[in-house]
Amino acid sequence: LDKILICLNFKIWALPIVSKDIRVHQAPYSRFNEGDAVLNCSYDYNGNASELKLTLLKGNESKVCTASYNYSDQIYSSSQQNNSFNCNVQNTNRNNFTFTLPNLKFSDTDNYVCKIEILYPPPYRQSTGAGTLIHVIEGSCSPSPVILPENSSMWIWLPICLTAFFLVYSMTITIMYCNLQHKDNRNNSNQSDYMNMVPRHP
């Protein structure tokens, strides 16, 4: 009996532990003209969430709007938390949500954070994204909206690395050319000295 219990305990201990943490994804930077702005939030969760709550925060503290989803009963509800915003939330698919913020002005430029809470089934879980800096540009003659993907740091460093590579490459070619020129000058000088040392016939 003791051996059986030991074997059962070992098998239970050896079972793989599946993490059910939430990970929220959002773009690091978005640029819009004054007017409507769109913020996409998605999340990874390997559990089976049937009821969740979404909250959009401005500056990591001020609540802009909230929305609740019940996937089992297909019930959706939203509420405004800030009178200066008329926020609209859409569930594009099960793990993706879109916040629409109309009538944004330059003064609304800030970091906007998505917060997702799993309300049911228990246990309660919640997570927040890293935030999206929404840059609202003044005036009507502004560039088109720009949204950088979440993993955009490589696109920032790519031109810097290419510039450094071509700089080092050009310096290497210049140094090699100067060395060759120096060797040619030395060879020409030695040949000239040799010609001057050749004895002349009377």
N, C-alpha and C. Protein backbone atom coordinates (compact mmCIF):
# COMPACT_ATOMS: atom_id res chain seq x y z
N LEU A 1 0.82 -1.21 0.00
CA LEU A 1 0.00 0.00 0.00
C LEU A 1 0.85 1.26 0.00
N ASP A 2 1.93 1.24 0.81
CA ASP A 2 2.83 2.40 0.85
C ASP A 2 3.47 2.64 -0.50
N LYS A 3 3.85 1.54 -1.17
CA LYS A 3 4.47 1.68 -2.49
C LYS A 3 3.48 2.28 -3.49
N ILE A 4 2.22 1.87 -3.39
CA ILE A 4 1.20 2.40 -4.32
C ILE A 4 1.00 3.89 -4.09
N LEU A 5 0.95 4.30 -2.82
CA LEU A 5 0.78 5.72 -2.51
C LEU A 5 1.97 6.53 -2.99
N ILE A 6 3.17 5.97 -2.82
CA ILE A 6 4.37 6.68 -3.28
C ILE A 6 4.33 6.85 -4.79
N CYS A 7 3.91 5.81 -5.50
CA CYS A 7 3.83 5.90 -6.96
C CYS A 7 2.79 6.91 -7.41
N LEU A 8 1.64 6.93 -6.72
CA LEU A 8 0.60 7.91 -7.07
C LEU A 8 1.07 9.32 -6.81
N ASN A 9 1.73 9.55 -5.69
CA ASN A 9 2.26 10.88 -5.39
C ASN A 9 3.28 11.32 -6.41
N PHE A 10 4.11 10.39 -6.85
CA PHE A 10 5.13 10.72 -7.84
C PHE A 10 4.49 11.09 -9.17
N LYS A 11 3.44 10.33 -9.56
CA LYS A 11 2.77 10.63 -10.83
C LYS A 11 2.08 11.98 -10.80
N ILE A 12 1.44 12.30 -9.66
CA ILE A 12 0.79 13.60 -9.54
C ILE A 12 1.81 14.72 -9.58
N TRP A 13 2.95 14.51 -8.90
CA TRP A 13 4.00 15.53 -8.89
C TRP A 13 4.60 15.72 -10.27
N ALA A 14 4.65 14.62 -11.04
CA ALA A 14 5.29 14.67 -12.37
C ALA A 14 4.38 15.23 -13.44
N LEU A 15 3.08 15.44 -13.13
CA LEU A 15 2.17 16.01 -14.13
C LEU A 15 2.61 17.40 -14.53
N PRO A 16 2.55 17.77 -15.82
CA PRO A 16 2.93 19.12 -16.23
C PRO A 16 2.00 20.17 -15.67
N ILE A 17 2.56 21.27 -15.21
CA ILE A 17 1.78 22.37 -14.65
C ILE A 17 1.47 23.36 -15.77
N VAL A 18 0.21 23.57 -16.05
CA VAL A 18 -0.21 24.48 -17.11
C VAL A 18 -0.45 25.86 -16.52
N SER A 19 0.29 26.83 -17.01
CA SER A 19 0.13 28.20 -16.51
C SER A 19 -1.12 28.82 -17.10
N LYS A 20 -1.89 29.48 -16.25
CA LYS A 20 -3.11 30.14 -16.71
C LYS A 20 -3.02 31.65 -16.47
N ASP A 21 -1.82 32.19 -16.62
CA ASP A 21 -1.65 33.63 -16.49
C ASP A 21 -2.15 34.31 -17.75
N ILE A 22 -2.56 35.56 -17.59
CA ILE A 22 -3.03 36.36 -18.73
C ILE A 22 -1.89 37.24 -19.21
N ARG A 23 -1.78 37.39 -20.50
CA ARG A 23 -0.81 38.32 -21.08
C ARG A 23 -1.55 39.23 -22.05
N VAL A 24 -1.47 40.53 -21.80
CA VAL A 24 -2.18 41.52 -22.61
C VAL A 24 -1.21 42.12 -23.62
N HIS A 25 -1.65 42.25 -24.86
CA HIS A 25 -0.82 42.81 -25.93
C HIS A 25 -1.45 44.10 -26.45
N GLN A 26 -0.63 45.11 -26.68
CA GLN A 26 -1.08 46.33 -27.35
C GLN A 26 0.13 47.03 -27.96
N ALA A 27 -0.12 47.78 -29.02
CA ALA A 27 0.96 48.47 -29.73
C ALA A 27 1.59 49.52 -28.82
N PRO A 28 2.92 49.72 -28.91
CA PRO A 28 3.56 50.70 -28.03
C PRO A 28 3.26 52.15 -28.41
N TYR A 29 2.94 52.40 -29.70
CA TYR A 29 2.77 53.79 -30.14
C TYR A 29 1.74 53.85 -31.26
N SER A 30 0.87 54.86 -31.18
CA SER A 30 -0.09 55.13 -32.25
C SER A 30 -0.19 56.63 -32.45
N ARG A 31 -0.29 57.04 -33.71
CA ARG A 31 -0.39 58.47 -34.02
C ARG A 31 -1.65 58.71 -34.85
N PHE A 32 -2.44 59.68 -34.43
CA PHE A 32 -3.70 59.97 -35.10
C PHE A 32 -3.86 61.48 -35.25
N ASN A 33 -4.63 61.86 -36.27
CA ASN A 33 -5.07 63.25 -36.36
C ASN A 33 -6.12 63.51 -35.29
N GLU A 34 -6.41 64.77 -35.05
CA GLU A 34 -7.49 65.09 -34.12
C GLU A 34 -8.80 64.51 -34.66
N GLY A 35 -9.52 63.83 -33.81
CA GLY A 35 -10.74 63.14 -34.23
C GLY A 35 -10.79 61.77 -33.60
N ASP A 36 -11.13 60.76 -34.40
CA ASP A 36 -11.28 59.40 -33.86
C ASP A 36 -9.93 58.69 -33.77
N ALA A 37 -9.77 57.94 -32.70
CA ALA A 37 -8.59 57.09 -32.51
C ALA A 37 -9.06 55.69 -32.18
N VAL A 38 -8.29 54.71 -32.63
CA VAL A 38 -8.63 53.30 -32.41
C VAL A 38 -7.48 52.62 -31.68
N LEU A 39 -7.81 51.90 -30.63
CA LEU A 39 -6.81 51.18 -29.84
C LEU A 39 -7.19 49.71 -29.79
N ASN A 40 -6.29 48.86 -30.27
CA ASN A 40 -6.53 47.41 -30.28
C ASN A 40 -5.84 46.76 -29.08
N CYS A 41 -6.57 45.90 -28.41
CA CYS A 41 -6.05 45.13 -27.28
C CYS A 41 -6.37 43.66 -27.50
N SER A 42 -5.39 42.81 -27.24
CA SER A 42 -5.61 41.37 -27.32
C SER A 42 -4.96 40.71 -26.11
N TYR A 43 -5.35 39.49 -25.85
CA TYR A 43 -4.79 38.81 -24.69
C TYR A 43 -4.63 37.32 -24.98
N ASP A 44 -3.66 36.73 -24.28
CA ASP A 44 -3.43 35.28 -24.32
C ASP A 44 -3.84 34.69 -22.98
N TYR A 45 -4.64 33.66 -23.03
CA TYR A 45 -5.08 32.98 -21.81
C TYR A 45 -5.44 31.56 -22.19
N ASN A 46 -4.71 30.58 -21.63
CA ASN A 46 -4.96 29.20 -22.02
C ASN A 46 -6.02 28.53 -21.17
N GLY A 47 -6.70 29.31 -20.33
CA GLY A 47 -7.85 28.78 -19.61
C GLY A 47 -9.12 29.02 -20.40
N ASN A 48 -10.24 28.74 -19.81
CA ASN A 48 -11.54 28.91 -20.48
C ASN A 48 -12.31 30.02 -19.77
N ALA A 49 -12.09 31.24 -20.22
CA ALA A 49 -12.76 32.39 -19.60
C ALA A 49 -14.15 32.55 -20.17
N SER A 50 -15.16 32.51 -19.32
CA SER A 50 -16.53 32.68 -19.78
C SER A 50 -17.07 34.08 -19.48
N GLU A 51 -16.46 34.77 -18.51
CA GLU A 51 -16.89 36.13 -18.20
C GLU A 51 -15.67 36.98 -17.86
N LEU A 52 -15.55 38.10 -18.52
CA LEU A 52 -14.39 38.96 -18.28
C LEU A 52 -14.80 40.42 -18.31
N LYS A 53 -13.91 41.24 -17.82
CA LYS A 53 -14.13 42.69 -17.76
C LYS A 53 -12.93 43.39 -18.35
N LEU A 54 -13.20 44.39 -19.19
CA LEU A 54 -12.14 45.19 -19.80
C LEU A 54 -12.23 46.62 -19.28
N THR A 55 -11.06 47.19 -19.03
CA THR A 55 -10.99 48.58 -18.58
C THR A 55 -9.89 49.29 -19.36
N LEU A 56 -10.20 50.47 -19.85
CA LEU A 56 -9.20 51.30 -20.52
C LEU A 56 -8.81 52.43 -19.58
N LEU A 57 -7.51 52.51 -19.29
CA LEU A 57 -6.98 53.51 -18.37
C LEU A 57 -6.20 54.56 -19.13
N LYS A 58 -6.34 55.79 -18.73
CA LYS A 58 -5.56 56.88 -19.30
C LYS A 58 -4.52 57.31 -18.27
N GLY A 59 -3.25 57.28 -18.69
CA GLY A 59 -2.19 57.62 -17.76
C GLY A 59 -2.04 56.63 -16.63
N ASN A 60 -2.42 55.38 -16.85
CA ASN A 60 -2.29 54.28 -15.89
C ASN A 60 -3.21 54.42 -14.68
N GLU A 61 -3.99 55.48 -14.57
CA GLU A 61 -4.79 55.69 -13.37
C GLU A 61 -6.25 56.01 -13.70
N SER A 62 -6.48 57.01 -14.54
CA SER A 62 -7.83 57.48 -14.81
C SER A 62 -8.57 56.50 -15.72
N LYS A 63 -9.73 56.01 -15.28
CA LYS A 63 -10.53 55.10 -16.08
C LYS A 63 -11.27 55.86 -17.17
N VAL A 64 -11.15 55.38 -18.40
CA VAL A 64 -11.84 55.98 -19.53
C VAL A 64 -13.19 55.29 -19.73
N CYS A 65 -13.19 53.97 -19.83
CA CYS A 65 -14.42 53.22 -19.98
C CYS A 65 -14.18 51.77 -19.60
N THR A 66 -15.25 51.06 -19.32
CA THR A 66 -15.18 49.64 -18.99
C THR A 66 -16.21 48.88 -19.81
N ALA A 67 -15.96 47.60 -19.97
CA ALA A 67 -16.89 46.73 -20.68
C ALA A 67 -16.83 45.34 -20.07
N SER A 68 -17.96 44.67 -20.03
CA SER A 68 -18.05 43.31 -19.49
C SER A 68 -18.59 42.38 -20.56
N TYR A 69 -18.02 41.20 -20.64
CA TYR A 69 -18.45 40.20 -21.62
C TYR A 69 -18.78 38.90 -20.90
N ASN A 70 -19.93 38.33 -21.23
CA ASN A 70 -20.31 37.01 -20.76
C ASN A 70 -20.47 36.12 -21.99
N TYR A 71 -19.47 35.29 -22.25
CA TYR A 71 -19.48 34.48 -23.46
C TYR A 71 -20.54 33.40 -23.41
N SER A 72 -20.86 32.92 -22.22
CA SER A 72 -21.86 31.84 -22.11
C SER A 72 -23.25 32.33 -22.51
N ASP A 73 -23.65 33.49 -22.01
CA ASP A 73 -24.98 34.03 -22.29
C ASP A 73 -24.99 35.06 -23.40
N GLN A 74 -23.79 35.33 -23.99
CA GLN A 74 -23.67 36.31 -25.06
C GLN A 74 -24.21 37.68 -24.62
N ILE A 75 -23.83 38.08 -23.41
CA ILE A 75 -24.27 39.37 -22.86
C ILE A 75 -23.08 40.32 -22.83
N TYR A 76 -23.31 41.53 -23.32
CA TYR A 76 -22.27 42.56 -23.34
C TYR A 76 -22.82 43.83 -22.71
N SER A 77 -22.02 44.46 -21.89
CA SER A 77 -22.41 45.74 -21.30
C SER A 77 -21.19 46.62 -21.18
N SER A 78 -21.39 47.93 -21.31
CA SER A 78 -20.28 48.88 -21.19
C SER A 78 -20.76 50.10 -20.44
N SER A 79 -19.82 50.83 -19.89
CA SER A 79 -20.15 52.04 -19.14
C SER A 79 -19.03 53.04 -19.29
N GLN A 80 -19.39 54.31 -19.27
CA GLN A 80 -18.41 55.39 -19.36
C GLN A 80 -17.91 55.73 -17.96
N GLN A 81 -16.61 55.90 -17.85
CA GLN A 81 -16.01 56.27 -16.57
C GLN A 81 -15.49 57.70 -16.59
N ASN A 82 -15.50 58.30 -17.78
CA ASN A 82 -14.96 59.64 -17.92
C ASN A 82 -15.90 60.41 -18.85
N ASN A 83 -16.44 61.51 -18.36
CA ASN A 83 -17.43 62.27 -19.14
C ASN A 83 -16.85 62.90 -20.40
N SER A 84 -15.52 63.07 -20.43
CA SER A 84 -14.90 63.71 -21.59
C SER A 84 -14.68 62.74 -22.74
N PHE A 85 -14.95 61.45 -22.53
CA PHE A 85 -14.76 60.45 -23.57
C PHE A 85 -16.08 59.75 -23.87
N ASN A 86 -16.27 59.45 -25.15
CA ASN A 86 -17.41 58.65 -25.57
C ASN A 86 -16.86 57.36 -26.16
N CYS A 87 -16.49 56.45 -25.27
CA CYS A 87 -15.74 55.26 -25.67
C CYS A 87 -16.67 54.16 -26.17
N ASN A 88 -16.22 53.46 -27.20
CA ASN A 88 -16.97 52.34 -27.76
C ASN A 88 -16.04 51.13 -27.83
N VAL A 89 -16.53 49.97 -27.36
CA VAL A 89 -15.73 48.75 -27.33
C VAL A 89 -16.37 47.71 -28.22
N GLN A 90 -15.56 47.08 -29.06
CA GLN A 90 -16.04 46.01 -29.93
C GLN A 90 -15.19 44.77 -29.73
N ASN A 91 -15.85 43.63 -29.70
CA ASN A 91 -15.17 42.34 -29.57
C ASN A 91 -14.98 41.77 -30.97
N THR A 92 -13.81 42.00 -31.57
CA THR A 92 -13.56 41.56 -32.95
C THR A 92 -13.49 40.04 -33.04
N ASN A 93 -12.88 39.39 -32.07
CA ASN A 93 -13.00 37.94 -31.90
C ASN A 93 -12.78 37.64 -30.43
N ARG A 94 -12.72 36.41 -30.06
CA ARG A 94 -12.76 36.07 -28.64
C ARG A 94 -11.62 36.72 -27.85
N ASN A 95 -10.46 36.83 -28.43
CA ASN A 95 -9.30 37.34 -27.69
C ASN A 95 -8.85 38.71 -28.15
N ASN A 96 -9.66 39.41 -28.92
CA ASN A 96 -9.28 40.73 -29.42
C ASN A 96 -10.42 41.72 -29.22
N PHE A 97 -10.03 42.91 -28.78
CA PHE A 97 -11.00 43.97 -28.53
C PHE A 97 -10.49 45.27 -29.13
N THR A 98 -11.42 46.11 -29.55
CA THR A 98 -11.08 47.39 -30.14
C THR A 98 -11.80 48.50 -29.39
N PHE A 99 -11.01 49.44 -28.87
CA PHE A 99 -11.56 50.63 -28.23
C PHE A 99 -11.55 51.76 -29.25
N THR A 100 -12.69 52.39 -29.47
CA THR A 100 -12.78 53.55 -30.34
C THR A 100 -12.99 54.79 -29.49
N LEU A 101 -12.09 55.76 -29.64
CA LEU A 101 -12.15 57.00 -28.87
C LEU A 101 -12.40 58.15 -29.83
N PRO A 102 -13.63 58.64 -29.93
CA PRO A 102 -13.93 59.72 -30.88
C PRO A 102 -13.59 61.09 -30.31
N ASN A 103 -13.39 62.02 -31.24
CA ASN A 103 -13.21 63.44 -30.90
C ASN A 103 -12.03 63.70 -29.97
N LEU A 104 -10.93 63.01 -30.21
CA LEU A 104 -9.74 63.26 -29.40
C LEU A 104 -9.07 64.55 -29.86
N LYS A 105 -8.46 65.25 -28.91
CA LYS A 105 -7.73 66.47 -29.18
C LYS A 105 -6.27 66.30 -28.79
N PHE A 106 -5.47 67.31 -29.12
CA PHE A 106 -4.05 67.25 -28.80
C PHE A 106 -3.82 67.06 -27.31
N SER A 107 -4.67 67.66 -26.49
CA SER A 107 -4.53 67.55 -25.04
C SER A 107 -4.81 66.14 -24.52
N ASP A 108 -5.41 65.29 -25.37
CA ASP A 108 -5.69 63.91 -24.97
C ASP A 108 -4.51 62.98 -25.21
N THR A 109 -3.40 63.51 -25.73
CA THR A 109 -2.20 62.70 -25.92
C THR A 109 -1.74 62.15 -24.58
N ASP A 110 -1.64 60.83 -24.49
CA ASP A 110 -1.28 60.21 -23.21
C ASP A 110 -1.02 58.72 -23.44
N ASN A 111 -0.63 58.05 -22.37
CA ASN A 111 -0.44 56.60 -22.40
C ASN A 111 -1.74 55.92 -21.99
N TYR A 112 -2.26 55.06 -22.86
CA TYR A 112 -3.53 54.37 -22.61
C TYR A 112 -3.25 52.88 -22.39
N VAL A 113 -3.76 52.37 -21.28
CA VAL A 113 -3.44 51.01 -20.84
C VAL A 113 -4.71 50.15 -20.84
N CYS A 114 -4.60 48.96 -21.41
CA CYS A 114 -5.70 47.98 -21.39
C CYS A 114 -5.55 47.07 -20.17
N LYS A 115 -6.63 46.91 -19.46
CA LYS A 115 -6.66 46.01 -18.30
C LYS A 115 -7.75 44.97 -18.52
N ILE A 116 -7.42 43.71 -18.33
CA ILE A 116 -8.36 42.61 -18.53
C ILE A 116 -8.45 41.80 -17.24
N GLU A 117 -9.69 41.51 -16.83
CA GLU A 117 -9.94 40.74 -15.61
C GLU A 117 -10.81 39.53 -15.95
N ILE A 118 -10.38 38.36 -15.52
CA ILE A 118 -11.18 37.15 -15.66
C ILE A 118 -12.06 37.03 -14.42
N LEU A 119 -13.37 37.20 -14.61
CA LEU A 119 -14.31 37.16 -13.48
C LEU A 119 -14.84 35.75 -13.21
N TYR A 120 -14.98 34.97 -14.27
CA TYR A 120 -15.52 33.62 -14.10
C TYR A 120 -14.99 32.72 -15.21
N PRO A 121 -14.61 31.49 -14.93
CA PRO A 121 -14.67 30.82 -13.63
C PRO A 121 -13.52 31.23 -12.71
N PRO A 122 -13.67 30.98 -11.42
CA PRO A 122 -12.59 31.30 -10.49
C PRO A 122 -11.38 30.40 -10.77
N PRO A 123 -10.18 30.81 -10.33
CA PRO A 123 -9.92 32.00 -9.49
C PRO A 123 -9.87 33.28 -10.31
N TYR A 124 -10.05 34.40 -9.63
CA TYR A 124 -9.99 35.71 -10.28
C TYR A 124 -8.58 35.97 -10.77
N ARG A 125 -8.46 36.45 -11.99
CA ARG A 125 -7.16 36.80 -12.56
C ARG A 125 -7.28 38.12 -13.29
N GLN A 126 -6.20 38.89 -13.27
CA GLN A 126 -6.20 40.17 -13.98
C GLN A 126 -4.79 40.49 -14.46
N SER A 127 -4.72 41.26 -15.53
CA SER A 127 -3.43 41.67 -16.09
C SER A 127 -3.62 42.96 -16.87
N THR A 128 -2.57 43.74 -16.97
CA THR A 128 -2.59 45.00 -17.74
C THR A 128 -1.51 44.96 -18.81
N GLY A 129 -1.75 45.68 -19.89
CA GLY A 129 -0.76 45.79 -20.94
C GLY A 129 0.32 46.81 -20.60
N ALA A 130 1.31 46.91 -21.46
CA ALA A 130 2.39 47.86 -21.25
C ALA A 130 1.97 49.29 -21.58
N GLY A 131 0.85 49.44 -22.25
CA GLY A 131 0.36 50.78 -22.59
C GLY A 131 0.66 51.16 -24.02
N THR A 132 -0.19 52.00 -24.58
CA THR A 132 -0.01 52.55 -25.92
C THR A 132 0.03 54.07 -25.83
N LEU A 133 1.11 54.66 -26.28
CA LEU A 133 1.19 56.12 -26.32
C LEU A 133 0.41 56.60 -27.54
N ILE A 134 -0.75 57.19 -27.30
CA ILE A 134 -1.56 57.75 -28.39
C ILE A 134 -1.19 59.21 -28.55
N HIS A 135 -0.59 59.50 -29.70
CA HIS A 135 -0.14 60.86 -30.01
C HIS A 135 -1.17 61.50 -30.94
N VAL A 136 -1.87 62.48 -30.43
CA VAL A 136 -2.89 63.19 -31.22
C VAL A 136 -2.26 64.45 -31.78
N ILE A 137 -2.28 64.59 -33.11
CA ILE A 137 -1.61 65.70 -33.78
C ILE A 137 -2.60 66.83 -34.01
N GLU A 138 -2.16 68.03 -33.71
CA GLU A 138 -3.02 69.20 -33.89
C GLU A 138 -3.19 69.52 -35.37
N GLY A 139 -4.32 70.17 -35.69
CA GLY A 139 -4.56 70.66 -37.05
C GLY A 139 -5.13 69.58 -37.94
N SER A 140 -5.68 70.04 -39.06
CA SER A 140 -6.30 69.12 -40.01
C SER A 140 -5.32 68.60 -41.03
N CYS A 141 -4.23 69.39 -41.30
CA CYS A 141 -3.23 68.97 -42.29
C CYS A 141 -2.14 68.19 -41.58
N SER A 142 -2.47 67.03 -41.15
CA SER A 142 -1.55 66.20 -40.37
C SER A 142 -1.27 64.91 -41.12
N PRO A 143 -0.16 64.22 -40.79
CA PRO A 143 0.13 62.95 -41.44
C PRO A 143 -0.94 61.91 -41.15
N SER A 144 -0.94 60.87 -41.96
CA SER A 144 -1.89 59.78 -41.77
C SER A 144 -1.59 59.04 -40.48
N PRO A 145 -2.60 58.33 -39.95
CA PRO A 145 -2.37 57.58 -38.71
C PRO A 145 -1.24 56.58 -38.85
N VAL A 146 -0.45 56.45 -37.81
CA VAL A 146 0.67 55.51 -37.77
C VAL A 146 0.52 54.66 -36.52
N ILE A 147 0.59 53.35 -36.69
CA ILE A 147 0.53 52.42 -35.56
C ILE A 147 1.72 51.48 -35.67
N LEU A 148 2.60 51.51 -34.68
CA LEU A 148 3.73 50.61 -34.65
C LEU A 148 3.31 49.29 -34.03
N PRO A 149 3.79 48.15 -34.58
CA PRO A 149 3.47 46.87 -33.96
C PRO A 149 4.12 46.74 -32.60
N GLU A 150 3.68 45.72 -31.87
CA GLU A 150 4.18 45.57 -30.50
C GLU A 150 5.68 45.34 -30.47
N ASN A 151 6.20 44.50 -31.35
CA ASN A 151 7.64 44.24 -31.41
C ASN A 151 8.28 45.15 -32.44
N SER A 152 8.30 46.43 -32.15
CA SER A 152 8.78 47.41 -33.13
C SER A 152 10.17 47.92 -32.82
N SER A 153 10.80 47.45 -31.76
CA SER A 153 12.12 47.98 -31.41
C SER A 153 13.15 47.65 -32.47
N MET A 154 13.00 46.48 -33.16
CA MET A 154 13.96 46.10 -34.18
C MET A 154 13.91 47.07 -35.36
N TRP A 155 12.74 47.64 -35.68
CA TRP A 155 12.65 48.60 -36.78
C TRP A 155 13.27 49.93 -36.40
N ILE A 156 13.37 50.22 -35.12
CA ILE A 156 14.02 51.45 -34.67
C ILE A 156 15.53 51.31 -34.75
N TRP A 157 16.04 50.13 -34.38
CA TRP A 157 17.49 49.92 -34.36
C TRP A 157 18.06 49.55 -35.72
N LEU A 158 17.21 49.07 -36.65
CA LEU A 158 17.72 48.63 -37.94
C LEU A 158 18.46 49.72 -38.70
N PRO A 159 17.90 50.94 -38.89
CA PRO A 159 18.66 51.96 -39.62
C PRO A 159 19.93 52.38 -38.90
N ILE A 160 19.92 52.36 -37.56
CA ILE A 160 21.13 52.71 -36.80
C ILE A 160 22.23 51.69 -37.06
N CYS A 161 21.87 50.41 -37.03
CA CYS A 161 22.86 49.35 -37.27
C CYS A 161 23.39 49.41 -38.70
N LEU A 162 22.50 49.66 -39.67
CA LEU A 162 22.95 49.75 -41.06
C LEU A 162 23.89 50.93 -41.26
N THR A 163 23.58 52.07 -40.65
CA THR A 163 24.46 53.23 -40.75
C THR A 163 25.83 52.95 -40.16
N ALA A 164 25.85 52.31 -38.99
CA ALA A 164 27.12 51.98 -38.35
C ALA A 164 27.92 51.00 -39.20
N PHE A 165 27.23 50.02 -39.83
CA PHE A 165 27.92 49.04 -40.67
C PHE A 165 28.58 49.71 -41.87
N PHE A 166 27.84 50.57 -42.57
CA PHE A 166 28.40 51.23 -43.74
C PHE A 166 29.52 52.20 -43.36
N LEU A 167 29.43 52.81 -42.18
CA LEU A 167 30.49 53.70 -41.72
C LEU A 167 31.78 52.92 -41.48
N VAL A 168 31.67 51.79 -40.78
CA VAL A 168 32.85 50.95 -40.52
C VAL A 168 33.40 50.40 -41.83
N TYR A 169 32.50 50.01 -42.74
CA TYR A 169 32.93 49.46 -44.02
C TYR A 169 33.70 50.49 -44.83
N SER A 170 33.19 51.72 -44.90
CA SER A 170 33.87 52.77 -45.66
C SER A 170 35.21 53.13 -45.04
N MET A 171 35.29 53.15 -43.70
CA MET A 171 36.56 53.44 -43.03
C MET A 171 37.58 52.35 -43.32
N THR A 172 37.13 51.09 -43.33
CA THR A 172 38.04 49.98 -43.61
C THR A 172 38.59 50.08 -45.03
N ILE A 173 37.72 50.36 -46.00
CA ILE A 173 38.16 50.51 -47.39
C ILE A 173 39.15 51.66 -47.52
N THR A 174 38.88 52.78 -46.84
CA THR A 174 39.78 53.93 -46.91
C THR A 174 41.15 53.60 -46.33
N ILE A 175 41.18 52.91 -45.20
CA ILE A 175 42.46 52.55 -44.58
C ILE A 175 43.24 51.60 -45.48
N MET A 176 42.56 50.61 -46.08
CA MET A 176 43.24 49.68 -46.98
C MET A 176 43.80 50.41 -48.20
N TYR A 177 43.04 51.36 -48.73
CA TYR A 177 43.51 52.12 -49.89
C TYR A 177 44.74 52.95 -49.53
N CYS A 178 44.71 53.58 -48.37
CA CYS A 178 45.86 54.39 -47.93
C CYS A 178 47.10 53.52 -47.74
N ASN A 179 46.93 52.32 -47.20
CA ASN A 179 48.07 51.42 -47.01
C ASN A 179 48.66 51.00 -48.35
N LEU A 180 47.80 50.69 -49.32
CA LEU A 180 48.29 50.32 -50.65
C LEU A 180 49.03 51.47 -51.30
N GLN A 181 48.49 52.68 -51.17
CA GLN A 181 49.17 53.84 -51.73
C GLN A 181 50.53 54.05 -51.08
N HIS A 182 50.59 53.84 -49.77
CA HIS A 182 51.86 54.01 -49.05
C HIS A 182 52.89 52.98 -49.51
N LYS A 183 52.44 51.72 -49.72
CA LYS A 183 53.36 50.69 -50.20
C LYS A 183 53.84 50.99 -51.61
N ASP A 184 52.95 51.47 -52.48
CA ASP A 184 53.34 51.82 -53.85
C ASP A 184 54.37 52.94 -53.85
N ASN A 185 54.18 53.93 -52.99
CA ASN A 185 55.14 55.03 -52.92
C ASN A 185 56.50 54.55 -52.44
N ARG A 186 56.51 53.63 -51.48
CA ARG A 186 57.78 53.09 -50.99
C ARG A 186 58.47 52.28 -52.05
N ASN A 187 57.72 51.47 -52.81
CA ASN A 187 58.32 50.68 -53.89
C ASN A 187 58.89 51.58 -54.97
N ASN A 188 58.18 52.62 -55.34
CA ASN A 188 58.68 53.55 -56.35
C ASN A 188 59.95 54.25 -55.87
N SER A 189 59.99 54.59 -54.58
CA SER A 189 61.17 55.25 -54.03
C SER A 189 62.36 54.31 -54.03
N ASN A 190 62.17 53.04 -53.69
CA ASN A 190 63.26 52.06 -53.69
C ASN A 190 63.79 51.82 -55.09
N GLN A 191 62.88 51.74 -56.07
CA GLN A 191 63.31 51.55 -57.45
C GLN A 191 64.12 52.74 -57.93
N SER A 192 63.73 53.94 -57.54
CA SER A 192 64.46 55.14 -57.95
C SER A 192 65.86 55.15 -57.34
N ASP A 193 65.98 54.75 -56.07
CA ASP A 193 67.29 54.69 -55.43
C ASP A 193 68.16 53.64 -56.08
N TYR A 194 67.59 52.51 -56.49
CA TYR A 194 68.36 51.45 -57.14
C TYR A 194 68.90 51.93 -58.48
N MET A 195 68.08 52.64 -59.24
CA MET A 195 68.52 53.14 -60.54
C MET A 195 69.65 54.13 -60.38
N ASN A 196 69.62 54.94 -59.34
CA ASN A 196 70.69 55.91 -59.12
C ASN A 196 71.99 55.25 -58.70
N MET A 197 71.93 54.03 -58.13
CA MET A 197 73.13 53.34 -57.66
C MET A 197 73.77 52.49 -58.75
N VAL A 198 73.16 52.30 -59.90
CA VAL A 198 73.74 51.49 -60.98
C VAL A 198 74.95 52.22 -61.56
N PRO A 199 76.16 51.55 -61.61
CA PRO A 199 77.37 52.24 -62.13
C PRO A 199 77.24 52.54 -63.62
N ARG A 200 77.79 53.65 -64.00
CA ARG A 200 77.75 54.05 -65.41
C ARG A 200 79.05 53.62 -66.10
N HIS A 201 78.95 53.15 -67.35
CA HIS A 201 80.13 52.75 -68.14
C HIS A 201 80.87 54.01 -68.61
N PRO A 202 82.19 53.95 -68.58
CA PRO A 202 82.95 55.14 -69.06
C PRO A 202 82.77 55.34 -70.56
